[in-house]
């Protein structure tokens, strides 16, 4: 296995290489809570931004929506998911989440997990605006992202956390406090109607067993032991997560599309 490739690979794909299937900050339970809150039915047209390995896609499809479209900018991901779900009605498109090329007001549900976190604030806004554009009036946008706590956190502390995360996961992750996440959604025309917060314990043993089952956990541990390059990266990530565990959390927000956007791009976070 190429050392340079593993060293530069983004954290979630390193975990996937080790066999981890649940890659969301709040784990399987927060994803399930999110989907329960969204209440997908046979009348819904669902779009998922950055479906990853397809864990959430599988759960959405089990609820038999009218349509499901997964959007990802990585052609390899699209190829993998198209093959994985070839016997379903799922459609996967190689497009940018900020420019899906879907019609205005054409879907009823948009879901995104751990995608906004990975972008700078102006890019977060672009993706949220695209979700707003493609949703029908009163459509629902659900997000599951990495969060910061407490509500008020000094900028120096935020910067330290962001710097350490970037070093560990090789992505310029920019998590926000729950009030900042809500502010972004509200400024782009959404009303938050439900929320939940839980600890970010992605690489803790109990969470991994819960997410992956015990046999899955053992498979991951086996892969970590067999591959020193992957082991080094995962231990580095776990060390950073532990270092900042008091300030890291997972955030779920369910937001409804308003008909009128009230947006002030110069306004600070509140």
Protein backbone atom coordinates (compact mmCIF):
# COMPACT_ATOMS: atom_id res chain seq x y z
CA UNK A 1 0.00 0.00 0.00
CA UNK A 2 1.44 3.37 -1.09
CA UNK A 3 2.65 5.31 1.98
CA UNK A 4 2.30 8.72 0.35
CA UNK A 5 -1.23 7.95 -0.82
CA UNK A 6 -2.34 6.86 2.67
CA UNK A 7 -0.63 9.85 4.27
CA UNK A 8 -2.54 12.31 2.06
CA UNK A 9 -5.87 10.47 2.01
CA UNK A 10 -8.78 12.21 3.75
CA UNK A 11 -9.66 10.72 7.12
CA UNK A 12 -13.03 9.24 6.22
CA UNK A 13 -11.52 7.27 3.32
CA UNK A 14 -8.74 5.97 5.58
CA UNK A 15 -11.45 4.69 7.92
CA UNK A 16 -13.29 3.17 4.97
CA UNK A 17 -10.06 1.39 3.95
CA UNK A 18 -10.01 -0.13 7.44
CA UNK A 19 -13.53 -1.44 6.91
CA UNK A 20 -15.55 1.19 8.75
CA UNK A 21 -18.97 1.65 7.19
CA UNK A 22 -20.53 4.29 9.48
CA UNK A 23 -18.52 7.48 8.98
CA UNK A 24 -20.84 10.15 10.41
CA UNK A 25 -19.83 12.15 13.53
CA UNK A 26 -22.88 11.12 15.55
CA UNK A 27 -22.83 7.50 14.43
CA UNK A 28 -25.68 5.28 13.33
CA UNK A 29 -28.08 6.41 16.05
CA UNK A 30 -27.99 10.09 15.10
CA UNK A 31 -28.43 9.22 11.41
CA UNK A 32 -31.44 7.08 12.31
CA UNK A 33 -32.84 9.88 14.47
CA UNK A 34 -32.41 12.30 11.58
CA UNK A 35 -34.22 10.05 9.12
CA UNK A 36 -37.01 9.40 11.63
CA UNK A 37 -37.47 13.15 12.02
CA UNK A 38 -37.53 13.65 8.24
CA UNK A 39 -40.37 11.09 7.85
CA UNK A 40 -39.75 9.93 4.29
CA UNK A 41 -42.78 8.43 2.51
CA UNK A 42 -43.63 7.04 -0.94
CA UNK A 43 -44.55 10.59 -2.03
CA UNK A 44 -41.12 12.02 -1.34
CA UNK A 45 -38.41 12.87 -3.85
CA UNK A 46 -35.13 12.66 -1.94
CA UNK A 47 -31.68 14.04 -2.73
CA UNK A 48 -28.63 13.14 -0.67
CA UNK A 49 -25.47 15.20 -0.82
CA UNK A 50 -22.20 13.23 -0.50
CA UNK A 51 -23.67 9.74 0.10
CA UNK A 52 -20.24 8.26 0.86
CA UNK A 53 -20.37 4.48 1.17
CA UNK A 54 -24.16 4.39 0.92
CA UNK A 55 -25.04 3.68 4.56
CA UNK A 56 -27.70 6.41 4.70
CA UNK A 57 -28.79 5.79 1.11
CA UNK A 58 -29.67 2.20 2.03
CA UNK A 59 -31.80 3.38 4.95
CA UNK A 60 -33.55 6.00 2.81
CA UNK A 61 -34.30 3.47 0.07
CA UNK A 62 -35.76 1.08 2.65
CA UNK A 63 -38.47 3.71 3.22
CA UNK A 64 -39.41 3.48 -0.49
CA UNK A 65 -39.40 7.15 -1.53
CA UNK A 66 -40.79 8.06 -4.95
CA UNK A 67 -37.26 8.91 -6.12
CA UNK A 68 -33.75 8.98 -4.66
CA UNK A 69 -30.76 10.85 -6.15
CA UNK A 70 -27.27 10.82 -4.66
CA UNK A 71 -24.96 13.71 -5.56
CA UNK A 72 -21.17 13.42 -5.29
CA UNK A 73 -18.32 15.15 -7.13
CA UNK A 74 -16.11 12.04 -7.03
CA UNK A 75 -16.58 9.80 -10.08
CA UNK A 76 -15.13 6.83 -8.20
CA UNK A 77 -17.77 7.20 -5.49
CA UNK A 78 -20.52 7.45 -8.11
CA UNK A 79 -19.26 4.31 -9.84
CA UNK A 80 -19.06 2.39 -6.56
CA UNK A 81 -22.56 3.41 -5.46
CA UNK A 82 -24.13 2.84 -8.88
CA UNK A 83 -22.84 -0.72 -8.78
CA UNK A 84 -23.78 -1.23 -5.13
CA UNK A 85 -27.37 -0.12 -5.72
CA UNK A 86 -27.75 -1.44 -9.28
CA UNK A 87 -30.86 -3.44 -8.37
CA UNK A 88 -32.68 -0.39 -6.98
CA UNK A 89 -34.22 2.75 -8.46
CA UNK A 90 -31.48 4.91 -6.96
CA UNK A 91 -29.73 7.36 -9.28
CA UNK A 92 -26.23 8.66 -8.54
CA UNK A 93 -24.92 11.75 -10.32
CA UNK A 94 -21.34 13.07 -10.49
CA UNK A 95 -22.07 16.70 -9.68
CA UNK A 96 -21.15 19.37 -7.17
CA UNK A 97 -23.50 19.75 -4.20
CA UNK A 98 -23.48 23.52 -4.82
CA UNK A 99 -24.47 23.02 -8.48
CA UNK A 100 -26.61 19.92 -8.84
CA UNK A 101 -28.27 21.00 -12.13
CA UNK A 102 -31.58 19.72 -10.75
CA UNK A 103 -34.72 21.75 -11.41
CA UNK A 104 -35.92 24.46 -9.04
CA UNK A 105 -38.41 23.17 -6.46
CA UNK A 106 -38.19 19.60 -7.75
CA UNK A 107 -37.63 17.60 -4.55
CA UNK A 108 -39.22 17.31 -1.11
CA UNK A 109 -36.27 16.18 1.01
CA UNK A 110 -32.55 16.99 0.95
CA UNK A 111 -30.18 15.15 3.28
CA UNK A 112 -26.52 15.92 3.90
CA UNK A 113 -24.13 14.42 6.42
CA UNK A 114 -20.58 15.55 7.22
CA UNK A 115 -20.36 17.58 4.00
CA UNK A 116 -20.84 21.16 5.20
CA UNK A 117 -18.21 20.67 7.92
CA UNK A 118 -15.59 20.04 5.26
CA UNK A 119 -16.01 23.42 3.60
CA UNK A 120 -15.22 27.05 4.35
CA UNK A 121 -18.16 29.16 5.48
CA UNK A 122 -18.84 30.70 2.05
CA UNK A 123 -18.94 27.24 0.51
CA UNK A 124 -21.27 26.05 3.26
CA UNK A 125 -23.65 28.83 2.23
CA UNK A 126 -23.46 27.84 -1.45
CA UNK A 127 -24.46 24.25 -0.64
CA UNK A 128 -27.29 25.36 1.66
CA UNK A 129 -28.57 27.73 -1.04
CA UNK A 130 -28.58 24.88 -3.53
CA UNK A 131 -30.62 22.75 -1.12
CA UNK A 132 -33.05 25.66 -0.79
CA UNK A 133 -33.28 26.10 -4.56
CA UNK A 134 -34.12 22.49 -5.41
CA UNK A 135 -36.59 22.02 -2.54
CA UNK A 136 -40.31 22.52 -2.97
CA UNK A 137 -42.03 25.05 -0.65
CA UNK A 138 -42.12 23.56 2.87
CA UNK A 139 -39.53 20.99 1.79
CA UNK A 140 -37.19 19.61 4.44
CA UNK A 141 -33.40 19.91 4.63
CA UNK A 142 -31.69 17.61 7.15
CA UNK A 143 -28.05 17.88 8.17
CA UNK A 144 -25.79 15.81 10.43
CA UNK A 145 -22.49 17.59 11.01
CA UNK A 146 -19.52 17.97 13.31
CA UNK A 147 -20.20 20.57 15.99
CA UNK A 148 -18.41 22.62 18.61
CA UNK A 149 -19.44 23.21 22.20
CA UNK A 150 -20.21 25.10 24.37
CA UNK A 151 -22.37 27.61 22.47
CA UNK A 152 -19.82 30.36 23.04
CA UNK A 153 -16.28 29.30 22.24
CA UNK A 154 -13.29 31.67 21.93
CA UNK A 155 -12.01 32.11 18.37
CA UNK A 156 -8.52 31.08 19.44
CA UNK A 157 -9.89 27.77 20.71
CA UNK A 158 -11.84 27.23 17.48
CA UNK A 159 -8.73 27.90 15.45
CA UNK A 160 -6.71 25.41 17.49
CA UNK A 161 -9.34 22.71 16.98
CA UNK A 162 -9.62 23.40 13.24
CA UNK A 163 -5.84 23.32 12.84
CA UNK A 164 -5.53 19.98 14.65
CA UNK A 165 -8.43 18.46 12.69
CA UNK A 166 -6.91 19.57 9.38
CA UNK A 167 -3.62 17.94 10.35
CA UNK A 168 -5.29 14.68 11.39
CA UNK A 169 -7.94 14.17 8.71
CA UNK A 170 -6.23 16.01 5.82
CA UNK A 171 -9.33 18.09 5.17
CA UNK A 172 -9.81 21.72 6.15
CA UNK A 173 -12.71 20.89 8.47
CA UNK A 174 -14.56 23.86 9.92
CA UNK A 175 -17.13 22.67 12.49
CA UNK A 176 -19.47 25.24 14.04
CA UNK A 177 -21.38 25.61 17.29
CA UNK A 178 -25.04 24.62 17.14
CA UNK A 179 -26.10 28.29 17.21
CA UNK A 180 -23.80 28.99 14.25
CA UNK A 181 -25.19 26.03 12.29
CA UNK A 182 -28.73 27.25 12.98
CA UNK A 183 -27.78 30.79 11.99
CA UNK A 184 -26.44 29.62 8.61
CA UNK A 185 -29.66 27.74 7.83
CA UNK A 186 -31.91 30.56 8.98
CA UNK A 187 -30.01 33.19 6.98
CA UNK A 188 -30.49 31.11 3.84
CA UNK A 189 -34.26 30.87 4.22
CA UNK A 190 -34.83 27.86 6.47
CA UNK A 191 -36.59 27.49 9.80
CA UNK A 192 -35.06 24.91 12.13
CA UNK A 193 -37.85 22.68 13.43
CA UNK A 194 -35.88 19.96 15.23
CA UNK A 195 -32.38 19.49 16.58
CA UNK A 196 -30.24 17.03 18.49
CA UNK A 197 -26.69 16.96 19.82
CA UNK A 198 -24.62 13.97 20.92
CA UNK A 199 -20.96 13.27 21.76
CA UNK A 200 -18.55 12.84 18.84
CA UNK A 201 -17.14 9.38 19.60
CA UNK A 202 -16.49 8.07 16.13
CA UNK A 203 -13.43 6.05 17.15
CA UNK A 204 -14.42 5.03 20.67
CA UNK A 205 -14.83 1.28 21.19
CA UNK A 206 -18.45 1.35 22.41
CA UNK A 207 -19.56 3.60 19.53
CA UNK A 208 -17.73 1.47 16.97
CA UNK A 209 -19.36 -1.73 18.22
CA UNK A 210 -22.75 -0.01 18.21
CA UNK A 211 -22.24 1.30 14.67
CA UNK A 212 -20.48 -1.65 13.07
CA UNK A 213 -21.63 -4.66 15.18
CA UNK A 214 -19.09 -6.67 17.16
CA UNK A 215 -17.97 -8.73 14.15
CA UNK A 216 -17.53 -5.55 12.12
CA UNK A 217 -15.51 -4.01 14.93
CA UNK A 218 -13.22 -7.05 15.04
CA UNK A 219 -12.73 -6.84 11.27
CA UNK A 220 -11.70 -3.18 11.57
CA UNK A 221 -9.27 -3.94 14.40
CA UNK A 222 -7.79 -6.75 12.34
CA UNK A 223 -7.26 -4.43 9.37
CA UNK A 224 -5.68 -1.80 11.61
CA UNK A 225 -3.25 -4.35 13.03
CA UNK A 226 -2.35 -5.68 9.59
CA UNK A 227 -1.74 -2.32 7.93
CA UNK A 228 0.72 -0.07 9.80
CA UNK A 229 0.16 2.95 7.51
CA UNK A 230 -3.57 2.90 8.17
CA UNK A 231 -2.97 2.24 11.86
CA UNK A 232 -0.74 5.31 12.12
CA UNK A 233 -3.37 7.59 10.54
CA UNK A 234 -6.25 6.23 12.61
CA UNK A 235 -4.31 6.52 15.87
CA UNK A 236 -3.46 10.09 14.95
CA UNK A 237 -7.13 10.89 14.33
CA UNK A 238 -8.19 9.23 17.56
CA UNK A 239 -5.57 11.21 19.49
CA UNK A 240 -6.88 14.52 18.13
CA UNK A 241 -10.50 13.55 18.82
CA UNK A 242 -9.57 12.67 22.41
CA UNK A 243 -7.60 15.89 22.83
CA UNK A 244 -10.65 17.99 21.89
CA UNK A 245 -13.46 15.71 23.08
CA UNK A 246 -14.84 18.33 25.50
CA UNK A 247 -15.38 20.73 22.59
CA UNK A 248 -16.37 18.34 19.80
CA UNK A 249 -19.90 17.03 19.30
CA UNK A 250 -22.26 15.84 16.58
CA UNK A 251 -25.16 18.04 15.51
CA UNK A 252 -28.39 17.15 13.73
CA UNK A 253 -30.70 19.87 12.44
CA UNK A 254 -34.00 19.50 10.59
CA UNK A 255 -35.01 22.65 8.71
CA UNK A 256 -38.06 23.63 6.67
CA UNK A 257 -37.85 25.82 3.57
CA UNK A 258 -39.49 29.21 3.95
CA UNK A 259 -41.02 30.88 0.92
CA UNK A 260 -39.12 34.14 1.37
CA UNK A 261 -35.37 34.38 1.99
CA UNK A 262 -34.22 37.07 4.37
CA UNK A 263 -30.48 37.09 3.89
CA UNK A 264 -27.83 39.54 5.03
CA UNK A 265 -24.41 38.27 3.87
CA UNK A 266 -22.62 40.82 6.06
CA UNK A 267 -24.33 39.80 9.29
CA UNK A 268 -22.09 38.11 11.89
CA UNK A 269 -22.92 34.84 13.59
CA UNK A 270 -25.26 35.33 16.55
